[in-house]
Each structure stands twice: as structure tokens, then as C-alpha cells.
Amino acid sequence: MNKKLITRIVIAVVVVGAIGAGVGYMMWTKPHPKAEDQKGIVITTTALAKEYATDEKAADAKYLDKWIEVTGTVSETEKNQDGGLMVVLQTEDPTAGVQCTMENKDVVVTKGENVTIKGQCSGNGITGISLTRCIKSK
């Protein structure tokens, strides 16, 4: 191979690598959307649980990774492994609720309180439907 071809190949690799690094940096530092700024799909815990129980694939297509605003009664609150607040909203199924991982650790909710919580749906798991990055709506 001649020197000119090798030089061009090296330059092309360096340019592509620099572009890739720039795109990666932009994606890494991109701010996450805040719950306060998102319009959520409004639904009750009962309706959400029924949709997941009826057809999980269809419910995932409708709610997974989307912002939802769910209203229900607080069945329990607890601290998660990160020290954050987890609020569980009851459904008609006593073994599975809607688990809401709150953004703010200082949110005040009490057992039996009827609340509306907005968060990003993470789907259905063993212990119920999960919402992350949640806030208590007004």
C-alpha cells in the first residue's frame, strides 16, 4: 500500500471516531425530561391493573416508557434500597399494586390517602406495575 492511502484511512478513522465521541458525549449529558413538564396519560390504578391483567402486551404498547398520571389509594409507603420513597397504590388485586418510586424523598403521603401520582411506566413485574421518576400531582 502506498503512504497516501494509509494516511487517508487513518484520517477517516480519526474523523469518524471524533464524530462518534461527540455524539456519545451529547447523548450522555442530555438532560432527562422532568415529570412536571410532561403530560401524562390519566388513568386510575384499577383501570391500569385491569388493562395489564387482560393483555400485558397491549398494555405495554400503550403505557411502557410513557408518562402516566395514576390516581388511587395509598396502601403502603416504604424506603427503597437507595433510601428513596416508594409509594404503593392499591388495586383490586391485593397481591399487586402500582409501585411508584418518588423523585423527591421528602414527599408526604399517608396510608389510606387518595392521591394522584405522575411517573414513567416501567411495566408489570412480580409485585405489580412500576412507575419511576414519580411526583405527587396536585
N, C-alpha and C. Protein backbone atom coordinates (compact mmCIF):
# COMPACT_ATOMS: atom_id res chain seq x y z
N MET A 1 0.84 -1.18 0.00
CA MET A 1 0.00 0.00 0.00
C MET A 1 0.89 1.24 0.00
N ASN A 2 0.38 2.27 -0.62
CA ASN A 2 1.19 3.47 -0.62
C ASN A 2 0.86 4.35 0.58
N LYS A 3 1.73 5.26 0.87
CA LYS A 3 1.61 6.12 2.05
C LYS A 3 0.37 6.99 2.02
N LYS A 4 -0.01 7.50 0.84
CA LYS A 4 -1.18 8.36 0.72
C LYS A 4 -2.45 7.63 1.14
N LEU A 5 -2.61 6.39 0.73
CA LEU A 5 -3.81 5.61 1.06
C LEU A 5 -3.88 5.34 2.56
N ILE A 6 -2.77 4.98 3.15
CA ILE A 6 -2.72 4.72 4.59
C ILE A 6 -3.05 5.99 5.36
N THR A 7 -2.53 7.11 4.93
CA THR A 7 -2.79 8.40 5.59
C THR A 7 -4.27 8.74 5.51
N ARG A 8 -4.88 8.53 4.36
CA ARG A 8 -6.31 8.82 4.19
C ARG A 8 -7.17 7.92 5.08
N ILE A 9 -6.79 6.66 5.18
CA ILE A 9 -7.53 5.72 6.03
C ILE A 9 -7.43 6.15 7.50
N VAL A 10 -6.24 6.51 7.93
CA VAL A 10 -6.04 6.94 9.32
C VAL A 10 -6.85 8.21 9.60
N ILE A 11 -6.83 9.17 8.68
CA ILE A 11 -7.59 10.40 8.85
C ILE A 11 -9.10 10.09 8.92
N ALA A 12 -9.58 9.21 8.06
CA ALA A 12 -11.00 8.84 8.06
C ALA A 12 -11.40 8.19 9.38
N VAL A 13 -10.56 7.30 9.91
CA VAL A 13 -10.84 6.65 11.19
C VAL A 13 -10.87 7.67 12.32
N VAL A 14 -9.95 8.60 12.32
CA VAL A 14 -9.89 9.63 13.36
C VAL A 14 -11.14 10.52 13.29
N VAL A 15 -11.53 10.92 12.09
CA VAL A 15 -12.71 11.78 11.93
C VAL A 15 -13.98 11.04 12.39
N VAL A 16 -14.16 9.81 11.96
CA VAL A 16 -15.33 9.03 12.38
C VAL A 16 -15.33 8.82 13.89
N GLY A 17 -14.16 8.56 14.46
CA GLY A 17 -14.06 8.40 15.92
C GLY A 17 -14.41 9.67 16.66
N ALA A 18 -13.96 10.82 16.15
CA ALA A 18 -14.27 12.11 16.78
C ALA A 18 -15.76 12.41 16.70
N ILE A 19 -16.37 12.14 15.57
CA ILE A 19 -17.82 12.34 15.43
C ILE A 19 -18.57 11.43 16.39
N GLY A 20 -18.18 10.18 16.47
CA GLY A 20 -18.81 9.24 17.40
C GLY A 20 -18.67 9.67 18.85
N ALA A 21 -17.49 10.15 19.21
CA ALA A 21 -17.27 10.62 20.58
C ALA A 21 -18.14 11.85 20.87
N GLY A 22 -18.26 12.74 19.91
CA GLY A 22 -19.10 13.94 20.10
C GLY A 22 -20.56 13.58 20.28
N VAL A 23 -21.07 12.69 19.46
CA VAL A 23 -22.47 12.25 19.58
C VAL A 23 -22.68 11.54 20.91
N GLY A 24 -21.76 10.69 21.30
CA GLY A 24 -21.87 9.98 22.57
C GLY A 24 -21.89 10.94 23.75
N TYR A 25 -21.04 11.95 23.72
CA TYR A 25 -20.99 12.95 24.79
C TYR A 25 -22.30 13.72 24.87
N MET A 26 -22.84 14.11 23.74
CA MET A 26 -24.11 14.85 23.72
C MET A 26 -25.24 14.01 24.29
N MET A 27 -25.28 12.74 23.95
CA MET A 27 -26.34 11.86 24.47
C MET A 27 -26.16 11.62 25.97
N TRP A 28 -24.94 11.51 26.42
CA TRP A 28 -24.65 11.25 27.83
C TRP A 28 -25.05 12.44 28.70
N THR A 29 -24.81 13.64 28.22
CA THR A 29 -25.07 14.84 29.02
C THR A 29 -26.44 15.45 28.77
N LYS A 30 -27.23 14.85 27.89
CA LYS A 30 -28.57 15.37 27.59
C LYS A 30 -29.44 15.30 28.85
N PRO A 31 -30.12 16.38 29.21
CA PRO A 31 -30.94 16.36 30.42
C PRO A 31 -32.16 15.45 30.24
N HIS A 32 -32.51 14.77 31.34
CA HIS A 32 -33.69 13.91 31.32
C HIS A 32 -34.94 14.76 31.42
N PRO A 33 -36.02 14.36 30.78
CA PRO A 33 -37.26 15.12 30.92
C PRO A 33 -37.78 15.04 32.35
N LYS A 34 -38.34 16.12 32.85
CA LYS A 34 -38.87 16.15 34.20
C LYS A 34 -40.36 15.81 34.17
N ALA A 35 -40.81 15.13 35.21
CA ALA A 35 -42.22 14.74 35.30
C ALA A 35 -43.13 15.96 35.26
N GLU A 36 -42.69 17.06 35.89
CA GLU A 36 -43.50 18.26 35.94
C GLU A 36 -43.81 18.82 34.56
N ASP A 37 -42.91 18.59 33.62
CA ASP A 37 -43.04 19.14 32.27
C ASP A 37 -43.77 18.21 31.31
N GLN A 38 -44.11 17.02 31.77
CA GLN A 38 -44.70 16.02 30.87
C GLN A 38 -46.21 15.95 31.04
N LYS A 39 -46.91 15.70 29.96
CA LYS A 39 -48.35 15.47 30.02
C LYS A 39 -48.52 13.96 30.15
N GLY A 40 -49.17 13.55 31.23
CA GLY A 40 -49.34 12.13 31.47
C GLY A 40 -50.68 11.60 30.99
N ILE A 41 -50.71 10.32 30.67
CA ILE A 41 -51.96 9.64 30.34
C ILE A 41 -52.71 9.46 31.66
N VAL A 42 -53.91 9.98 31.77
CA VAL A 42 -54.68 9.96 33.01
C VAL A 42 -55.45 8.64 33.11
N ILE A 43 -55.28 7.95 34.28
CA ILE A 43 -55.93 6.65 34.48
C ILE A 43 -55.99 6.36 35.98
N THR A 44 -56.90 5.49 36.38
CA THR A 44 -56.96 5.06 37.78
C THR A 44 -56.14 3.79 37.94
N THR A 45 -55.76 3.48 39.18
CA THR A 45 -54.99 2.26 39.44
C THR A 45 -55.79 1.03 39.03
N THR A 46 -57.08 1.03 39.30
CA THR A 46 -57.94 -0.11 38.96
C THR A 46 -57.95 -0.36 37.45
N ALA A 47 -58.16 0.70 36.68
CA ALA A 47 -58.21 0.56 35.22
C ALA A 47 -56.85 0.12 34.67
N LEU A 48 -55.78 0.68 35.20
CA LEU A 48 -54.43 0.31 34.74
C LEU A 48 -54.15 -1.16 35.03
N ALA A 49 -54.47 -1.60 36.24
CA ALA A 49 -54.25 -3.01 36.61
C ALA A 49 -55.09 -3.94 35.75
N LYS A 50 -56.32 -3.56 35.45
CA LYS A 50 -57.19 -4.40 34.60
C LYS A 50 -56.62 -4.53 33.20
N GLU A 51 -56.10 -3.43 32.66
CA GLU A 51 -55.52 -3.49 31.32
C GLU A 51 -54.32 -4.42 31.29
N TYR A 52 -53.46 -4.34 32.31
CA TYR A 52 -52.29 -5.23 32.37
C TYR A 52 -52.71 -6.68 32.60
N ALA A 53 -53.73 -6.90 33.39
CA ALA A 53 -54.19 -8.27 33.64
C ALA A 53 -54.84 -8.88 32.40
N THR A 54 -55.52 -8.07 31.63
CA THR A 54 -56.23 -8.55 30.45
C THR A 54 -55.27 -8.87 29.30
N ASP A 55 -54.37 -7.94 28.99
CA ASP A 55 -53.45 -8.14 27.87
C ASP A 55 -52.19 -7.33 28.13
N GLU A 56 -51.18 -7.99 28.70
CA GLU A 56 -49.95 -7.29 29.09
C GLU A 56 -49.23 -6.68 27.90
N LYS A 57 -49.20 -7.38 26.77
CA LYS A 57 -48.52 -6.84 25.58
C LYS A 57 -49.18 -5.56 25.09
N ALA A 58 -50.51 -5.57 25.05
CA ALA A 58 -51.23 -4.37 24.61
C ALA A 58 -51.04 -3.23 25.60
N ALA A 59 -51.05 -3.55 26.89
CA ALA A 59 -50.84 -2.51 27.91
C ALA A 59 -49.43 -1.95 27.82
N ASP A 60 -48.43 -2.80 27.59
CA ASP A 60 -47.05 -2.32 27.42
C ASP A 60 -46.96 -1.39 26.21
N ALA A 61 -47.62 -1.78 25.12
CA ALA A 61 -47.60 -0.94 23.92
C ALA A 61 -48.20 0.44 24.20
N LYS A 62 -49.19 0.48 25.07
CA LYS A 62 -49.89 1.72 25.38
C LYS A 62 -49.18 2.56 26.44
N TYR A 63 -48.54 1.91 27.45
CA TYR A 63 -48.02 2.64 28.60
C TYR A 63 -46.51 2.57 28.82
N LEU A 64 -45.84 1.52 28.38
CA LEU A 64 -44.43 1.32 28.70
C LEU A 64 -43.57 2.49 28.24
N ASP A 65 -42.76 3.02 29.16
CA ASP A 65 -41.86 4.14 28.91
C ASP A 65 -42.59 5.46 28.64
N LYS A 66 -43.88 5.49 28.89
CA LYS A 66 -44.65 6.71 28.72
C LYS A 66 -45.00 7.29 30.09
N TRP A 67 -45.29 8.57 30.12
CA TRP A 67 -45.68 9.23 31.37
C TRP A 67 -47.16 8.99 31.60
N ILE A 68 -47.48 8.53 32.80
CA ILE A 68 -48.89 8.34 33.14
C ILE A 68 -49.17 9.04 34.47
N GLU A 69 -50.41 9.46 34.62
CA GLU A 69 -50.87 10.13 35.83
C GLU A 69 -51.95 9.24 36.42
N VAL A 70 -51.60 8.52 37.47
CA VAL A 70 -52.48 7.49 38.02
C VAL A 70 -53.03 7.95 39.38
N THR A 71 -54.33 7.70 39.57
CA THR A 71 -55.00 8.07 40.82
C THR A 71 -55.42 6.81 41.54
N GLY A 72 -55.13 6.79 42.85
CA GLY A 72 -55.51 5.64 43.66
C GLY A 72 -55.27 5.90 45.13
N THR A 73 -55.51 4.88 45.93
CA THR A 73 -55.37 4.97 47.38
C THR A 73 -54.04 4.37 47.80
N VAL A 74 -53.34 5.07 48.70
CA VAL A 74 -52.04 4.62 49.19
C VAL A 74 -52.26 3.42 50.10
N SER A 75 -51.64 2.28 49.75
CA SER A 75 -51.75 1.10 50.61
C SER A 75 -50.54 0.97 51.52
N GLU A 76 -49.39 1.50 51.09
CA GLU A 76 -48.21 1.50 51.95
C GLU A 76 -47.14 2.42 51.37
N THR A 77 -46.22 2.80 52.23
CA THR A 77 -45.04 3.56 51.82
C THR A 77 -43.84 2.89 52.46
N GLU A 78 -42.73 2.93 51.77
CA GLU A 78 -41.50 2.32 52.31
C GLU A 78 -40.30 2.96 51.65
N LYS A 79 -39.16 2.73 52.23
CA LYS A 79 -37.90 3.20 51.65
C LYS A 79 -37.36 2.11 50.74
N ASN A 80 -36.85 2.50 49.57
CA ASN A 80 -36.24 1.50 48.70
C ASN A 80 -34.76 1.35 49.04
N GLN A 81 -34.04 0.54 48.29
CA GLN A 81 -32.64 0.25 48.58
C GLN A 81 -31.74 1.48 48.47
N ASP A 82 -32.20 2.51 47.75
CA ASP A 82 -31.42 3.74 47.61
C ASP A 82 -31.80 4.80 48.64
N GLY A 83 -32.71 4.45 49.54
CA GLY A 83 -33.17 5.41 50.55
C GLY A 83 -34.27 6.31 50.04
N GLY A 84 -34.74 6.07 48.82
CA GLY A 84 -35.83 6.86 48.26
C GLY A 84 -37.18 6.35 48.73
N LEU A 85 -38.20 7.13 48.49
CA LEU A 85 -39.54 6.77 48.92
C LEU A 85 -40.26 5.98 47.83
N MET A 86 -40.86 4.88 48.25
CA MET A 86 -41.68 4.05 47.36
C MET A 86 -43.11 4.13 47.88
N VAL A 87 -44.03 4.55 47.04
CA VAL A 87 -45.44 4.62 47.39
C VAL A 87 -46.15 3.55 46.60
N VAL A 88 -46.91 2.71 47.30
CA VAL A 88 -47.67 1.65 46.65
C VAL A 88 -49.14 2.03 46.68
N LEU A 89 -49.75 2.08 45.48
CA LEU A 89 -51.16 2.37 45.36
C LEU A 89 -51.91 1.06 45.17
N GLN A 90 -53.01 0.91 45.87
CA GLN A 90 -53.71 -0.37 45.83
C GLN A 90 -54.55 -0.51 44.56
N THR A 91 -54.70 -1.77 44.17
CA THR A 91 -55.57 -2.15 43.06
C THR A 91 -56.57 -3.16 43.61
N GLU A 92 -57.40 -3.71 42.76
CA GLU A 92 -58.35 -4.73 43.22
C GLU A 92 -57.65 -6.03 43.58
N ASP A 93 -56.43 -6.24 43.07
CA ASP A 93 -55.65 -7.43 43.41
C ASP A 93 -54.78 -7.10 44.62
N PRO A 94 -55.07 -7.72 45.79
CA PRO A 94 -54.32 -7.37 47.00
C PRO A 94 -52.84 -7.77 46.96
N THR A 95 -52.44 -8.63 46.03
CA THR A 95 -51.04 -9.06 45.96
C THR A 95 -50.20 -8.19 45.04
N ALA A 96 -50.84 -7.31 44.27
CA ALA A 96 -50.10 -6.47 43.32
C ALA A 96 -50.69 -5.08 43.31
N GLY A 97 -49.83 -4.10 43.45
CA GLY A 97 -50.27 -2.71 43.40
C GLY A 97 -49.49 -1.96 42.33
N VAL A 98 -49.66 -0.65 42.33
CA VAL A 98 -48.88 0.20 41.45
C VAL A 98 -47.78 0.81 42.31
N GLN A 99 -46.54 0.45 42.03
CA GLN A 99 -45.40 0.89 42.82
C GLN A 99 -44.80 2.13 42.19
N CYS A 100 -44.77 3.20 42.97
CA CYS A 100 -44.31 4.49 42.48
C CYS A 100 -43.02 4.88 43.20
N THR A 101 -41.92 4.93 42.47
CA THR A 101 -40.66 5.37 43.04
C THR A 101 -40.59 6.89 42.89
N MET A 102 -40.62 7.58 44.01
CA MET A 102 -40.71 9.04 44.01
C MET A 102 -39.35 9.68 43.75
N GLU A 103 -39.37 10.78 43.01
CA GLU A 103 -38.16 11.56 42.75
C GLU A 103 -37.67 12.23 44.02
N ASN A 104 -38.61 12.80 44.77
CA ASN A 104 -38.30 13.55 45.97
C ASN A 104 -38.50 12.65 47.20
N LYS A 105 -37.47 12.53 48.02
CA LYS A 105 -37.55 11.68 49.21
C LYS A 105 -38.40 12.30 50.31
N ASP A 106 -38.71 13.59 50.20
CA ASP A 106 -39.43 14.29 51.25
C ASP A 106 -40.94 14.39 51.01
N VAL A 107 -41.46 13.70 50.02
CA VAL A 107 -42.89 13.73 49.74
C VAL A 107 -43.65 13.13 50.92
N VAL A 108 -44.75 13.77 51.30
CA VAL A 108 -45.54 13.28 52.42
C VAL A 108 -46.85 12.69 51.89
N VAL A 109 -47.02 11.40 52.10
CA VAL A 109 -48.27 10.70 51.80
C VAL A 109 -48.57 9.78 52.97
N THR A 110 -49.83 9.53 53.20
CA THR A 110 -50.21 8.67 54.31
C THR A 110 -51.06 7.51 53.81
N LYS A 111 -50.98 6.42 54.51
CA LYS A 111 -51.75 5.23 54.17
C LYS A 111 -53.23 5.58 54.19
N GLY A 112 -53.94 5.18 53.15
CA GLY A 112 -55.36 5.46 53.03
C GLY A 112 -55.68 6.73 52.27
N GLU A 113 -54.67 7.55 52.02
CA GLU A 113 -54.88 8.81 51.30
C GLU A 113 -55.11 8.54 49.82
N ASN A 114 -56.05 9.27 49.21
CA ASN A 114 -56.29 9.17 47.78
C ASN A 114 -55.39 10.20 47.11
N VAL A 115 -54.49 9.75 46.22
CA VAL A 115 -53.50 10.63 45.60
C VAL A 115 -53.45 10.42 44.10
N THR A 116 -52.89 11.41 43.43
CA THR A 116 -52.58 11.29 42.00
C THR A 116 -51.07 11.43 41.88
N ILE A 117 -50.47 10.46 41.23
CA ILE A 117 -49.02 10.42 41.06
C ILE A 117 -48.70 10.31 39.57
N LYS A 118 -47.75 11.14 39.13
CA LYS A 118 -47.32 11.09 37.73
C LYS A 118 -45.92 10.49 37.68
N GLY A 119 -45.74 9.52 36.78
CA GLY A 119 -44.44 8.90 36.63
C GLY A 119 -44.32 8.20 35.29
N GLN A 120 -43.15 7.64 35.06
CA GLN A 120 -42.87 6.94 33.81
C GLN A 120 -43.08 5.44 34.04
N CYS A 121 -43.91 4.83 33.23
CA CYS A 121 -44.26 3.42 33.40
C CYS A 121 -43.10 2.52 33.00
N SER A 122 -42.76 1.60 33.92
CA SER A 122 -41.69 0.63 33.67
C SER A 122 -42.24 -0.75 33.39
N GLY A 123 -43.55 -0.89 33.34
CA GLY A 123 -44.16 -2.17 33.02
C GLY A 123 -44.62 -2.93 34.24
N ASN A 124 -45.00 -4.17 34.00
CA ASN A 124 -45.56 -5.03 35.02
C ASN A 124 -44.52 -6.04 35.48
N GLY A 125 -44.42 -6.20 36.80
CA GLY A 125 -43.47 -7.15 37.36
C GLY A 125 -44.17 -8.11 38.30
N ILE A 126 -43.42 -8.82 39.09
CA ILE A 126 -43.96 -9.80 40.02
C ILE A 126 -44.87 -9.15 41.06
N THR A 127 -44.46 -7.99 41.53
CA THR A 127 -45.20 -7.33 42.61
C THR A 127 -46.15 -6.24 42.13
N GLY A 128 -46.30 -6.08 40.83
CA GLY A 128 -47.23 -5.09 40.30
C GLY A 128 -46.62 -4.21 39.24
N ILE A 129 -47.34 -3.18 38.90
CA ILE A 129 -46.93 -2.24 37.87
C ILE A 129 -45.99 -1.22 38.49
N SER A 130 -44.92 -0.89 37.79
CA SER A 130 -43.92 0.03 38.34
C SER A 130 -43.92 1.35 37.59
N LEU A 131 -43.85 2.43 38.37
CA LEU A 131 -43.65 3.76 37.82
C LEU A 131 -42.37 4.32 38.43
N THR A 132 -41.56 4.98 37.64
CA THR A 132 -40.32 5.57 38.13
C THR A 132 -40.37 7.08 37.91
N ARG A 133 -39.43 7.78 38.59
CA ARG A 133 -39.29 9.23 38.44
C ARG A 133 -40.59 9.95 38.76
N CYS A 134 -41.28 9.50 39.80
CA CYS A 134 -42.62 9.97 40.12
C CYS A 134 -42.65 11.26 40.94
N ILE A 135 -43.73 12.00 40.74
CA ILE A 135 -44.04 13.17 41.56
C ILE A 135 -45.49 13.06 41.99
N LYS A 136 -45.80 13.68 43.11
CA LYS A 136 -47.18 13.74 43.58
C LYS A 136 -47.82 14.92 42.86
N SER A 137 -48.89 14.64 42.10
CA SER A 137 -49.58 15.71 41.37
C SER A 137 -50.49 16.46 42.32
N LYS A 138 -50.81 17.67 41.95
CA LYS A 138 -51.68 18.49 42.79
C LYS A 138 -53.12 18.20 42.53
